[in-house]
Protein backbone atom coordinates (compact mmCIF):
# COMPACT_ATOMS: atom_id res chain seq x y z
CA MET A 1 256.37 -115.63 94.49
CA PRO A 2 254.79 -119.04 95.24
CA PRO A 3 251.13 -119.27 96.07
CA ALA A 4 250.34 -118.63 99.72
CA ALA A 5 248.27 -121.80 99.87
CA ALA A 6 251.27 -123.98 99.00
CA GLU A 7 253.23 -124.34 102.21
CA GLY A 8 255.76 -127.08 101.39
CA PHE A 9 259.07 -126.89 99.56
CA GLU A 10 257.23 -128.05 96.43
CA ALA A 11 255.95 -124.47 96.20
CA PHE A 12 259.49 -123.55 95.07
CA ALA A 13 259.63 -126.10 92.25
CA HIS A 14 259.94 -123.19 89.82
CA LEU A 15 263.04 -121.95 91.66
CA LEU A 16 264.78 -125.07 93.01
CA ASP A 17 266.29 -128.02 91.14
CA ALA A 18 264.19 -131.19 91.34
CA ARG A 19 267.16 -133.08 92.83
CA LEU A 20 267.35 -130.64 95.72
CA LEU A 21 263.63 -130.99 96.38
CA ARG A 22 263.97 -134.77 96.29
CA ALA A 23 266.80 -134.64 98.84
CA LEU A 24 264.77 -132.36 101.12
CA ALA A 25 261.88 -134.82 101.01
CA LYS A 26 264.21 -137.71 101.85
CA LEU A 27 265.65 -135.77 104.78
CA GLY A 28 262.16 -135.09 106.12
CA TYR A 29 262.09 -131.35 105.45
CA GLY A 30 258.47 -130.92 104.41
CA THR A 31 257.73 -127.27 105.14
CA PRO A 32 260.24 -124.40 104.96
CA THR A 33 260.72 -122.28 108.06
CA PRO A 34 259.97 -118.54 107.78
CA VAL A 35 263.64 -117.63 107.29
CA GLN A 36 264.04 -120.30 104.61
CA ARG A 37 260.93 -119.20 102.76
CA GLU A 38 261.85 -115.52 102.80
CA SER A 39 265.47 -116.17 101.85
CA ILE A 40 264.59 -118.36 98.86
CA GLU A 41 262.00 -115.91 97.58
CA HIS A 42 264.27 -112.86 97.77
CA SER A 43 267.55 -114.46 96.66
CA LEU A 44 266.34 -116.55 93.72
CA GLY A 45 263.50 -114.42 92.38
CA GLY A 46 263.72 -112.12 89.40
CA ASN A 47 265.28 -109.34 91.50
CA ALA A 48 267.85 -111.25 93.54
CA ARG A 49 269.24 -109.19 96.42
CA ASP A 50 271.64 -109.47 99.35
CA ILE A 51 270.13 -110.97 102.50
CA LEU A 52 270.52 -109.86 106.11
CA ALA A 53 268.65 -112.39 108.24
CA ARG A 54 268.18 -112.24 111.96
CA ALA A 55 266.51 -115.44 113.09
CA ARG A 56 266.71 -117.37 116.30
CA THR A 57 268.81 -120.50 116.69
CA GLY A 58 267.08 -123.60 115.42
CA SER A 59 265.17 -121.66 112.76
CA GLY A 60 266.93 -123.31 109.82
CA LYS A 61 269.40 -120.59 108.82
CA THR A 62 271.83 -123.08 107.24
CA LEU A 63 269.31 -124.28 104.67
CA ALA A 64 268.18 -120.68 104.17
CA TYR A 65 271.49 -119.88 102.47
CA ALA A 66 272.47 -123.40 101.36
CA LEU A 67 269.53 -123.91 99.01
CA PRO A 68 269.97 -120.62 97.07
CA LEU A 69 273.73 -120.97 96.69
CA LEU A 70 273.50 -124.61 95.56
CA GLN A 71 270.71 -123.75 93.13
CA LYS A 72 272.83 -120.99 91.59
CA ILE A 73 275.76 -123.39 91.16
CA LEU A 74 273.59 -126.05 89.51
CA ALA A 75 272.06 -123.44 87.19
CA ALA A 76 275.49 -122.09 86.20
CA LYS A 77 276.83 -125.56 85.43
CA ARG A 78 273.72 -126.44 83.44
CA THR A 79 274.42 -123.58 81.03
CA THR A 80 278.21 -124.05 80.86
CA SER A 81 280.03 -126.64 78.79
CA LYS A 82 282.17 -129.06 80.77
CA ALA A 83 284.98 -128.31 78.36
CA SER A 84 284.88 -124.62 79.25
CA GLU A 85 287.47 -123.20 81.65
CA ASN A 86 284.58 -121.49 83.45
CA TYR A 87 282.94 -124.81 84.36
CA ALA A 88 285.20 -125.52 87.35
CA GLY A 89 285.72 -122.89 90.00
CA THR A 90 284.78 -121.90 93.53
CA ARG A 91 281.45 -120.13 93.23
CA ALA A 92 280.52 -119.95 96.93
CA LEU A 93 282.48 -119.14 100.10
CA VAL A 94 280.87 -119.85 103.47
CA LEU A 95 282.56 -118.22 106.47
CA VAL A 96 281.80 -119.56 109.95
CA PRO A 97 283.37 -118.64 113.30
CA THR A 98 284.18 -122.15 114.59
CA ARG A 99 285.32 -125.55 113.35
CA GLU A 100 282.24 -127.21 114.82
CA LEU A 101 280.00 -124.96 112.74
CA ALA A 102 282.10 -125.70 109.66
CA GLU A 103 281.59 -129.44 110.16
CA GLN A 104 277.87 -128.94 110.67
CA ALA A 105 277.46 -126.78 107.56
CA HIS A 106 279.53 -129.24 105.52
CA ARG A 107 277.35 -132.13 106.64
CA GLN A 108 274.12 -130.29 105.82
CA LEU A 109 275.28 -129.27 102.34
CA ARG A 110 276.36 -132.82 101.55
CA ASP A 111 272.97 -134.14 102.66
CA VAL A 112 271.12 -131.72 100.39
CA LEU A 113 273.42 -132.75 97.52
CA THR A 114 272.51 -136.44 97.86
CA TYR A 115 271.26 -136.67 94.25
CA CYS A 116 273.80 -134.35 92.64
CA HIS A 117 276.95 -134.82 94.71
CA ASP A 118 278.92 -135.74 91.60
CA GLU A 119 278.10 -132.35 90.10
CA VAL A 120 278.79 -130.06 93.06
CA GLN A 121 281.89 -130.45 95.23
CA VAL A 122 282.06 -129.05 98.79
CA ALA A 123 285.34 -128.60 100.70
CA ASN A 124 285.78 -127.90 104.42
CA LEU A 125 288.98 -125.94 105.09
CA ALA A 126 288.38 -125.69 108.83
CA ARG A 127 289.54 -129.25 109.46
CA SER A 128 292.93 -129.94 111.01
CA VAL A 129 294.88 -131.13 107.97
CA SER A 130 298.36 -130.42 106.68
CA ASN A 131 299.00 -127.58 104.26
CA ALA A 132 299.84 -130.13 101.57
CA VAL A 133 296.46 -131.85 101.93
CA GLN A 134 294.63 -128.52 101.95
CA LYS A 135 296.53 -127.39 98.83
CA LEU A 136 295.57 -130.61 97.05
CA LEU A 137 291.94 -130.17 98.10
CA LEU A 138 291.79 -126.66 96.67
CA SER A 139 293.59 -127.64 93.48
CA GLU A 140 290.40 -129.49 92.48
CA LYS A 141 288.55 -126.14 92.52
CA PRO A 142 285.62 -127.16 94.74
CA ASP A 143 282.35 -125.38 94.00
CA VAL A 144 281.76 -124.50 97.66
CA VAL A 145 284.42 -123.74 100.26
CA ILE A 146 283.55 -123.66 103.95
CA ALA A 147 286.14 -122.09 106.25
CA THR A 148 286.81 -119.93 109.25
CA PRO A 149 287.90 -116.41 108.23
CA SER A 150 291.51 -117.06 109.26
CA ARG A 151 291.74 -120.25 107.17
CA ALA A 152 290.10 -118.60 104.17
CA LEU A 153 292.43 -115.59 104.29
CA ALA A 154 295.53 -117.79 104.61
CA SER A 155 294.49 -119.81 101.54
CA LEU A 156 293.78 -116.65 99.55
CA LYS A 157 297.17 -115.17 100.45
CA SER A 158 298.99 -118.34 99.44
CA GLY A 159 297.14 -118.44 96.13
CA ASP A 160 295.70 -121.89 96.81
CA LEU A 161 292.19 -120.41 96.82
CA VAL A 162 291.22 -118.05 93.99
CA LEU A 163 287.87 -116.27 94.02
CA SER A 164 288.43 -113.07 92.05
CA SER A 165 286.82 -114.34 88.84
CA THR A 166 284.46 -117.11 89.98
CA LEU A 167 282.76 -116.15 93.26
CA GLU A 168 278.97 -115.74 93.02
CA THR A 169 277.91 -116.10 96.66
CA LEU A 170 279.48 -115.07 99.97
CA VAL A 171 277.93 -116.31 103.20
CA ILE A 172 278.85 -115.13 106.68
CA ASP A 173 277.07 -117.49 109.05
CA GLU A 174 276.57 -116.65 112.75
CA ALA A 175 277.80 -113.18 111.84
CA ASP A 176 277.36 -111.86 115.37
CA LEU A 177 280.16 -114.18 116.47
CA ILE A 178 282.69 -113.22 113.81
CA PHE A 179 283.85 -110.22 115.82
CA SER A 180 283.59 -111.82 119.26
CA TYR A 181 285.76 -114.73 118.09
CA GLY A 182 288.48 -112.33 116.96
CA HIS A 183 287.92 -112.71 113.20
CA ASP A 184 287.22 -109.05 112.47
CA GLU A 185 290.63 -108.23 110.98
CA GLU A 186 290.63 -111.33 108.75
CA VAL A 187 287.18 -110.50 107.40
CA LYS A 188 288.12 -106.89 106.71
CA ALA A 189 291.32 -107.96 104.93
CA LEU A 190 289.43 -110.53 102.89
CA LEU A 191 286.95 -107.88 101.74
CA ARG A 192 289.30 -104.98 101.02
CA ASP A 193 292.47 -106.58 99.59
CA GLY A 194 291.13 -107.54 96.17
CA TYR A 195 290.52 -111.24 96.79
CA LEU A 196 286.84 -111.05 95.79
CA PRO A 197 285.18 -109.92 92.55
CA ARG A 198 283.26 -106.64 92.41
CA LYS A 199 279.87 -108.30 92.13
CA TYR A 200 278.49 -111.21 94.15
CA GLN A 201 275.49 -111.98 96.35
CA THR A 202 275.94 -111.93 100.15
CA PHE A 203 274.07 -113.69 102.94
CA LEU A 204 274.61 -112.32 106.45
CA MET A 205 273.01 -114.75 108.92
CA SER A 206 272.79 -114.04 112.64
CA ALA A 207 270.81 -114.89 115.78
CA THR A 208 271.32 -111.40 117.19
CA LEU A 209 272.18 -107.95 115.81
CA SER A 210 274.73 -105.54 117.27
CA ASP A 211 276.94 -102.57 116.42
CA ASP A 212 279.50 -105.01 115.02
CA ILE A 213 276.88 -106.42 112.66
CA ASP A 214 276.08 -102.89 111.51
CA THR A 215 279.78 -102.44 110.70
CA LEU A 216 279.91 -105.73 108.84
CA GLN A 217 276.70 -104.92 107.01
CA GLY A 218 278.22 -101.69 105.69
CA LEU A 219 281.24 -103.60 104.39
CA VAL A 220 279.55 -106.46 102.54
CA LEU A 221 275.87 -105.69 101.82
CA LYS A 222 274.39 -103.62 99.04
CA ASP A 223 270.70 -102.69 99.31
CA PRO A 224 269.91 -105.83 101.35
CA VAL A 225 266.58 -107.39 102.19
CA VAL A 226 266.41 -107.37 106.00
CA LEU A 227 264.62 -110.39 107.44
CA ARG A 228 263.81 -109.84 111.11
CA LEU A 229 262.27 -113.12 112.15
CA GLU A 230 263.64 -113.43 115.68
CA ASN A 231 260.45 -112.31 117.44
CA ASP A 232 258.56 -115.49 116.73
CA THR A 233 255.81 -115.56 119.33
CA SER A 234 255.72 -119.37 119.21
CA LEU A 235 259.16 -119.49 120.81
CA ALA A 236 257.78 -118.01 124.03
CA GLN A 237 255.44 -121.00 124.17
CA GLN A 238 258.06 -123.55 123.10
CA LEU A 239 260.83 -122.39 125.46
CA LEU A 240 260.02 -122.37 129.18
CA GLN A 241 262.62 -120.52 131.24
CA TYR A 242 263.21 -120.75 135.00
CA HIS A 243 265.84 -119.63 137.47
CA VAL A 244 266.97 -120.52 140.99
CA TYR A 245 268.82 -118.28 143.44
CA THR A 246 271.19 -120.71 145.11
CA SER A 247 274.48 -121.01 146.96
CA GLU A 248 277.50 -122.37 145.14
CA GLU A 249 277.30 -125.66 147.05
CA ASP A 250 273.59 -126.05 146.41
CA LYS A 251 274.21 -125.98 142.67
CA PHE A 252 275.67 -129.46 143.07
CA LEU A 253 272.87 -130.55 145.36
CA LEU A 254 270.12 -129.43 142.96
CA THR A 255 271.86 -130.93 139.93
CA TYR A 256 272.18 -134.26 141.75
CA VAL A 257 268.49 -134.23 142.77
CA ILE A 258 267.28 -133.15 139.32
CA LEU A 259 269.24 -135.77 137.38
CA LYS A 260 269.15 -138.68 139.82
CA LEU A 261 265.41 -138.39 140.42
CA ARG A 262 264.94 -137.78 136.70
CA LEU A 263 263.00 -134.58 137.13
CA ILE A 264 264.17 -133.98 133.57
CA ARG A 265 263.16 -136.62 131.07
CA GLY A 266 265.30 -136.55 127.96
CA LYS A 267 268.66 -135.15 126.91
CA CYS A 268 270.24 -132.34 128.87
CA LEU A 269 273.09 -129.86 128.29
CA LEU A 270 274.82 -128.50 131.40
CA PHE A 271 276.94 -125.39 130.86
CA VAL A 272 279.86 -124.45 133.11
CA ASN A 273 282.33 -121.61 132.80
CA ASP A 274 285.74 -123.30 132.87
CA ILE A 275 287.30 -126.66 132.09
CA ASP A 276 288.13 -127.62 135.70
CA ARG A 277 284.47 -127.19 136.62
CA CYS A 278 283.57 -129.39 133.67
CA PHE A 279 285.50 -132.26 135.29
CA ARG A 280 284.51 -131.38 138.85
CA LEU A 281 280.84 -131.76 137.92
CA LYS A 282 281.52 -134.92 135.90
CA LEU A 283 283.40 -136.60 138.76
CA PHE A 284 280.75 -135.48 141.25
CA LEU A 285 277.91 -137.00 139.24
CA GLU A 286 279.85 -140.23 138.70
CA GLN A 287 279.64 -140.82 142.45
CA PHE A 288 275.92 -141.41 141.93
CA GLY A 289 276.23 -143.56 138.81
CA LEU A 290 275.37 -140.70 136.45
CA ARG A 291 277.50 -140.92 133.32
CA THR A 292 278.24 -137.73 131.40
CA CYS A 293 280.38 -136.52 128.49
CA VAL A 294 282.56 -133.44 128.67
CA LEU A 295 282.85 -131.04 125.75
CA ASN A 296 285.51 -128.32 125.76
CA GLU A 297 288.19 -126.71 123.62
CA GLU A 298 290.97 -129.00 124.93
CA LEU A 299 289.55 -131.99 123.08
CA PRO A 300 290.48 -132.65 119.43
CA VAL A 301 287.94 -131.32 116.96
CA ASN A 302 287.20 -134.84 115.63
CA SER A 303 286.32 -135.99 119.14
CA ARG A 304 284.15 -132.96 119.78
CA PHE A 305 282.20 -133.46 116.58
CA HIS A 306 281.78 -137.19 117.27
CA ILE A 307 280.49 -136.48 120.79
CA VAL A 308 277.80 -134.20 119.36
CA GLU A 309 276.86 -136.81 116.74
CA GLU A 310 276.52 -139.59 119.33
CA PHE A 311 274.55 -137.31 121.66
CA ASN A 312 272.16 -136.53 118.81
CA LYS A 313 271.71 -140.26 118.16
CA GLY A 314 270.72 -140.81 121.79
CA LYS A 315 273.89 -142.61 122.92
CA TYR A 316 274.37 -140.10 125.76
CA ASP A 317 271.83 -138.23 127.87
CA TYR A 318 274.04 -135.59 129.49
CA ILE A 319 276.80 -133.34 128.16
CA ILE A 320 278.75 -130.98 130.41
CA ALA A 321 280.07 -128.20 128.20
CA THR A 322 282.20 -125.12 128.52
CA ASP A 323 281.62 -122.02 126.45
CA ALA A 324 285.03 -120.40 126.77
CA ASN A 325 284.60 -117.51 124.34
CA ALA A 326 281.45 -116.30 126.03
CA THR A 327 282.97 -116.31 129.49
CA THR A 328 286.74 -115.81 129.27
CA GLY A 329 287.14 -113.68 126.16
CA LYS A 330 289.44 -116.18 124.45
CA THR A 331 289.49 -116.03 120.67
CA THR A 332 289.56 -119.70 119.79
CA GLU A 333 287.82 -121.41 116.88
CA TYR A 334 285.75 -123.45 119.31
CA GLY A 335 282.16 -122.97 120.40
CA VAL A 336 279.56 -125.25 121.95
CA SER A 337 276.60 -123.00 122.57
CA ARG A 338 276.93 -121.16 119.26
CA GLY A 339 275.13 -122.60 116.28
CA ILE A 340 275.87 -126.30 116.82
CA ASP A 341 272.83 -128.39 115.98
CA PHE A 342 272.06 -130.43 119.09
CA VAL A 343 268.97 -132.51 118.34
CA ALA A 344 265.97 -132.92 120.66
CA VAL A 345 267.50 -131.39 123.79
CA ALA A 346 264.86 -131.41 126.54
CA CYS A 347 266.62 -129.03 128.89
CA VAL A 348 269.57 -126.63 129.18
CA ILE A 349 270.93 -126.08 132.68
CA ASN A 350 273.12 -123.03 133.19
CA PHE A 351 275.08 -124.53 136.07
CA ASP A 352 277.23 -121.40 135.84
CA LEU A 353 275.45 -118.34 134.55
CA PRO A 354 276.97 -116.94 131.32
CA THR A 355 278.53 -113.49 131.51
CA SER A 356 276.50 -111.84 128.73
CA THR A 357 272.97 -111.73 127.39
CA SER A 358 274.06 -112.95 123.95
CA ALA A 359 275.78 -115.99 125.47
CA TYR A 360 272.56 -116.78 127.37
CA THR A 361 270.54 -116.50 124.15
CA HIS A 362 272.81 -118.94 122.37
CA ARG A 363 272.93 -121.39 125.26
CA VAL A 364 269.18 -121.67 125.76
CA GLY A 365 268.82 -121.77 121.98
CA ARG A 366 270.14 -125.34 122.06
CA THR A 367 266.67 -126.45 123.22
CA ALA A 368 263.17 -125.68 121.88
CA ARG A 369 264.40 -126.11 118.32
CA ALA A 370 262.59 -127.13 115.14
CA GLY A 371 259.13 -126.79 116.68
CA ASN A 372 259.95 -128.85 119.79
CA THR A 373 259.41 -127.66 123.36
CA GLY A 374 262.27 -127.23 125.80
CA THR A 375 263.21 -125.89 129.21
CA ALA A 376 266.06 -123.67 130.40
CA LEU A 377 267.01 -123.59 134.09
CA SER A 378 269.63 -121.12 135.34
CA PHE A 379 271.42 -121.13 138.69
CA VAL A 380 272.03 -117.60 139.99
CA VAL A 381 274.45 -117.06 142.90
CA PRO A 382 273.47 -114.08 145.10
CA ALA A 383 276.31 -111.66 145.89
CA ASP A 384 276.25 -112.54 149.61
CA GLU A 385 276.72 -116.25 148.79
CA PHE A 386 279.67 -115.83 146.43
CA GLY A 387 283.05 -117.08 147.63
CA LYS A 388 281.86 -118.79 150.81
CA LYS A 389 283.50 -122.04 149.70
CA LYS A 390 286.54 -121.16 147.62
CA ALA A 391 287.25 -124.74 146.54
CA ILE A 392 284.03 -124.89 144.50
CA SER A 393 283.68 -121.19 143.69
CA CYS A 394 283.58 -119.92 140.11
CA PRO A 395 285.04 -116.40 139.59
CA THR A 396 282.49 -115.50 136.90
CA CYS A 397 279.63 -115.97 139.38
CA ARG A 398 280.66 -112.88 141.35
CA ASP A 399 278.36 -110.72 139.21
CA ASP A 400 275.52 -113.20 138.70
CA GLU A 401 272.80 -110.90 140.02
CA VAL A 402 273.82 -108.01 137.76
CA VAL A 403 274.11 -110.27 134.70
CA TRP A 404 270.80 -111.97 135.46
CA ALA A 405 268.98 -108.63 135.57
CA LYS A 406 270.36 -107.84 132.09
CA ILE A 407 269.35 -111.27 130.80
CA VAL A 408 265.77 -110.83 132.05
CA ARG A 409 265.51 -107.42 130.38
CA SER A 410 266.84 -108.79 127.08
CA GLN A 411 264.34 -111.67 127.14
CA GLN A 412 261.52 -109.24 127.84
CA LYS A 413 262.65 -107.00 124.99
CA ALA A 414 262.65 -110.00 122.65
CA GLY A 415 259.10 -110.84 123.71
CA LEU A 416 260.10 -114.24 125.12
CA VAL A 417 258.93 -113.54 128.68
CA GLY A 418 256.27 -111.26 130.10
CA PRO A 419 256.65 -108.17 132.30
CA GLU A 420 256.92 -110.39 135.38
CA GLY A 421 260.25 -111.71 134.06
CA ILE A 422 261.64 -115.25 134.13
CA PRO A 423 259.85 -117.22 136.85
CA ALA A 424 261.60 -118.98 139.72
CA TRP A 425 261.60 -122.76 139.94
CA ARG A 426 260.15 -123.30 143.41
CA TYR A 427 260.89 -126.29 145.58
CA ASP A 428 260.81 -127.26 149.25
CA GLN A 429 264.36 -126.69 150.54
CA LYS A 430 263.81 -128.86 153.63
CA GLN A 431 262.99 -131.88 151.55
CA VAL A 432 265.93 -131.34 149.20
CA ASP A 433 268.16 -131.16 152.29
CA ALA A 434 267.44 -134.86 152.84
CA PHE A 435 270.03 -135.47 150.09
CA ARG A 436 272.59 -133.00 151.39
CA TYR A 437 274.81 -135.43 153.31
CA ARG A 438 275.22 -137.56 150.19
CA MET A 439 276.08 -134.51 148.10
CA GLN A 440 278.69 -133.37 150.61
CA ASP A 441 280.32 -136.81 150.77
CA ALA A 442 280.57 -136.94 146.99
CA LEU A 443 281.85 -133.37 146.68
CA ARG A 444 284.62 -133.96 149.24
CA SER A 445 286.01 -136.81 147.17
CA VAL A 446 286.42 -134.58 144.09
CA THR A 447 289.79 -133.05 144.92
CA LYS A 448 292.04 -130.86 142.77
CA VAL A 449 294.32 -133.84 142.24
CA ALA A 450 291.39 -135.99 141.10
CA ILE A 451 290.30 -133.27 138.66
CA LYS A 452 293.82 -132.88 137.27
CA GLU A 453 294.25 -136.63 136.76
CA ALA A 454 290.83 -136.99 135.12
CA ARG A 455 291.50 -134.03 132.85
CA ILE A 456 294.84 -135.41 131.68
CA GLN A 457 293.42 -138.90 131.15
CA GLU A 458 290.48 -137.58 129.14
CA ILE A 459 292.78 -135.63 126.82
CA LYS A 460 295.05 -138.67 126.35
CA ASN A 461 292.11 -140.91 125.50
CA GLU A 462 290.60 -138.46 123.03
CA ILE A 463 293.92 -137.69 121.32
CA LEU A 464 294.48 -141.42 120.89
CA ASN A 465 291.00 -141.86 119.44
CA SER A 466 291.34 -138.80 117.22
CA LYS A 467 294.78 -139.42 115.74
CA ALA A 468 295.73 -143.09 115.90
CA LEU A 469 292.29 -144.36 114.88
CA LYS A 470 291.36 -141.68 112.38
CA ALA A 471 292.38 -143.70 109.29
CA HIS A 472 290.71 -146.82 110.67
CA PHE A 473 287.44 -145.01 111.31
CA GLU A 474 287.46 -143.53 107.81
CA GLU A 475 287.54 -147.07 106.40
CA ASN A 476 285.28 -148.57 109.06
CA PRO A 477 282.77 -145.88 110.10
CA LYS A 478 280.56 -148.33 111.99
CA ASP A 479 283.36 -148.95 114.47
CA LEU A 480 282.75 -145.44 115.79
CA GLU A 481 279.65 -146.82 117.44
CA TYR A 482 281.88 -148.67 119.88
CA LEU A 483 283.79 -145.55 120.87
CA ARG A 484 282.33 -144.12 124.05
CA HIS A 485 282.96 -140.64 125.40
CA ASP A 486 281.05 -140.99 128.66
CA ARG A 487 283.40 -143.53 130.26
CA ALA A 488 284.07 -143.12 133.96
CA ALA A 489 286.81 -140.59 134.63
CA HIS A 490 287.02 -140.96 138.40
CA PRO A 491 290.53 -142.08 139.45
CA ALA A 492 289.45 -143.01 142.97
CA ARG A 493 287.12 -145.65 144.37
CA VAL A 494 283.43 -144.85 144.01
CA HIS A 495 281.22 -145.97 146.89
CA GLN A 496 278.58 -148.23 145.39
CA HIS A 497 275.92 -147.24 147.93
CA MET A 498 275.97 -143.71 146.49
CA ARG A 499 274.63 -144.99 143.18
CA HIS A 500 271.26 -145.97 144.62
CA ILE A 501 268.58 -143.98 146.42
CA PRO A 502 267.18 -145.86 149.42
CA ALA A 503 263.44 -146.39 149.61
CA TYR A 504 262.93 -143.84 152.37
CA LEU A 505 264.40 -141.12 150.16
CA ARG A 506 262.60 -142.13 147.01
CA PRO A 507 259.92 -139.47 146.36
CA ARG A 508 256.83 -139.37 144.22
CA ILE A 509 257.15 -135.93 142.74
CA ALA A 510 256.46 -133.91 139.62
CA ALA A 511 259.03 -133.10 136.99
CA ILE A 512 260.36 -129.62 136.29
CA PRO A 513 257.65 -127.72 134.36
CA GLY A 514 258.17 -127.96 130.64
CA THR A 515 260.22 -131.15 130.61
CA ALA A 516 258.82 -134.36 129.16
CA GLN A 517 256.16 -135.80 131.45
CA VAL A 518 255.54 -139.45 132.23
CA ALA A 519 252.44 -141.21 133.46
CA ARG A 520 254.00 -142.69 136.58
CA PRO A 521 255.52 -140.55 139.33
CA VAL A 522 259.07 -139.32 138.79
CA GLY A 523 261.56 -141.29 140.85
CA TYR A 524 259.37 -144.40 140.86
CA VAL A 525 261.40 -147.63 140.82
CA PRO A 526 259.57 -150.96 140.43
CA LYS A 527 260.08 -153.45 143.24
CA HIS A 528 262.68 -156.11 142.47
CA LYS A 529 261.35 -159.53 141.58
CA SER A 530 262.68 -162.85 142.80
CA PRO A 531 264.23 -165.21 140.20
CA LYS A 532 260.87 -166.94 139.86
CA GLY A 533 259.07 -163.70 139.20
CA ARG A 534 257.46 -163.48 142.65
CA ALA A 535 257.74 -160.45 144.89
CA LYS A 536 260.26 -160.86 147.71
CA ALA A 537 258.88 -162.59 150.77
CA GLY A 538 257.55 -160.32 153.46
CA LYS A 539 257.15 -157.39 151.05
CA PRO A 540 253.63 -156.21 150.17
CA HIS A 541 252.76 -155.91 146.53
CA GLY A 542 249.79 -155.01 144.34
CA LYS A 543 246.99 -153.34 146.32
CA SER A 544 248.77 -154.15 149.56
CA ALA A 545 251.78 -152.19 148.39
CA ALA A 546 249.57 -149.24 147.54
CA ARG A 547 247.98 -149.32 151.02
CA ALA A 548 251.44 -149.60 152.60
CA ALA A 549 252.67 -146.63 150.58
CA GLY A 550 249.70 -144.62 151.74
CA ALA A 551 250.32 -145.58 155.36
CA LYS A 552 253.93 -144.37 155.18
CA LYS A 553 253.12 -141.25 153.23
CA LYS A 554 253.72 -138.93 156.16
CA ASN A 555 257.27 -140.25 156.59
CA ASP A 556 258.31 -139.52 153.02
CA PRO A 557 260.83 -136.64 153.33
CA LEU A 558 260.23 -135.42 149.76
CA ARG A 559 256.50 -136.02 149.57
CA LYS A 560 255.76 -132.34 149.03
CA PHE A 561 258.73 -131.54 146.83
CA ARG A 562 257.19 -129.04 144.44
CA SER A 563 258.41 -127.26 141.34
């Protein structure tokens, strides 16, 4: 075990290949997270054991299994002649519930292999490729195979993937989702039908534990080391959670006010519970000049992954996402809230409340990651407000109050909030109502026909980008920078006056607690200058402007807007 005083990855120089340590340094990974440290110590030490790790999202679970399995492959190849038939073979299988997670894991493994990529080959079977291409890929006997359980089982049945004599490491990532995504039968068949050798090391990684995990644990783990690192007290300080009891119409009003007045500074994920609502919210916000991306299971996987990449690079500020499996029970290989590595998200807004506590955990886990702070704001529809306006009603919101009570209890049990529960975000309703007429005008223009047309057009655009341009982008990756996913989707005319907030509505207010703060008041817009750089005639500026602002302070309808 490395000395306690040595906190960086260099403390594992006796366990990890120097090329892996060099890659970690280049990637900026200086200090291992608790789950990474514990996993490396217990899986690569003298008494290597199976690992069952429960650690919150953003805790570095991918590297926690990636480093040990890559180290074992490098060690095996170092002691095996290249001429030996045992040199080539698939030594590690990584099972993930969704294609997005497969892409993410593949990317992270490749990054860590920067200085030994010619020695260790990694294949991603979750991609949408023909059987012929997949067969060719597996014929090269990649050292690591990443796949969804259904893809892995199909390849094992066809004989394209052979693990019975070579497998050393099995990883089941986001194990709590394997059953909820309908992969339970594939996993059981993979384990019991003789496709795997009798002896191998297993990593079971999960953000939550459940009865299903207990079942899976009994099938794959032998005398495991159980790492329970989810109750990290620092998370309660990093993640600030709030809720608002609101009508279904006021969800749109509050979202408009929050984003247009920039009460949130930084990137934001907005979760809704079906695809139509994804586009309804997008078209609504476009009325005010707010550009957003949509992310849902209808889009091609290449487009979805590219949207996440561009969001992480800062090209987009807002993503409106569905989380179908957590709300509709569908068993697709798609998931936005689960495991995907969104970088530096300032806030998660549950525009529609998820239908389970685990879905809530995964959604809010997209922020407050890697030591950063973040905020989660959830809209809760009271039972007596549900269904008052059927055109904008969401069926899953019928039970919001019941679900919210369960969510609060689960967060208290995890030690993330105190006995008082998740606090309310308080604001002055009268002052927010100053924006209501604008919200209602915009919402009326978002008809079912407009949503249908926007939805069809979005799919057409993304299919074109995904298929016709795929080969071009592979040869010219920089051209992807010119591909935008937040283009306007509104098929009708947008009134330009809706894009701007008039001076009498422009407040000087504080941001939502926990979001990035700025020195000047939120909503402040500098006065326009004339072409020669002078303030417009007849308009006070400098100290005069300050005195004028003070004189009109009583007329400001949002002066006392408080959070």
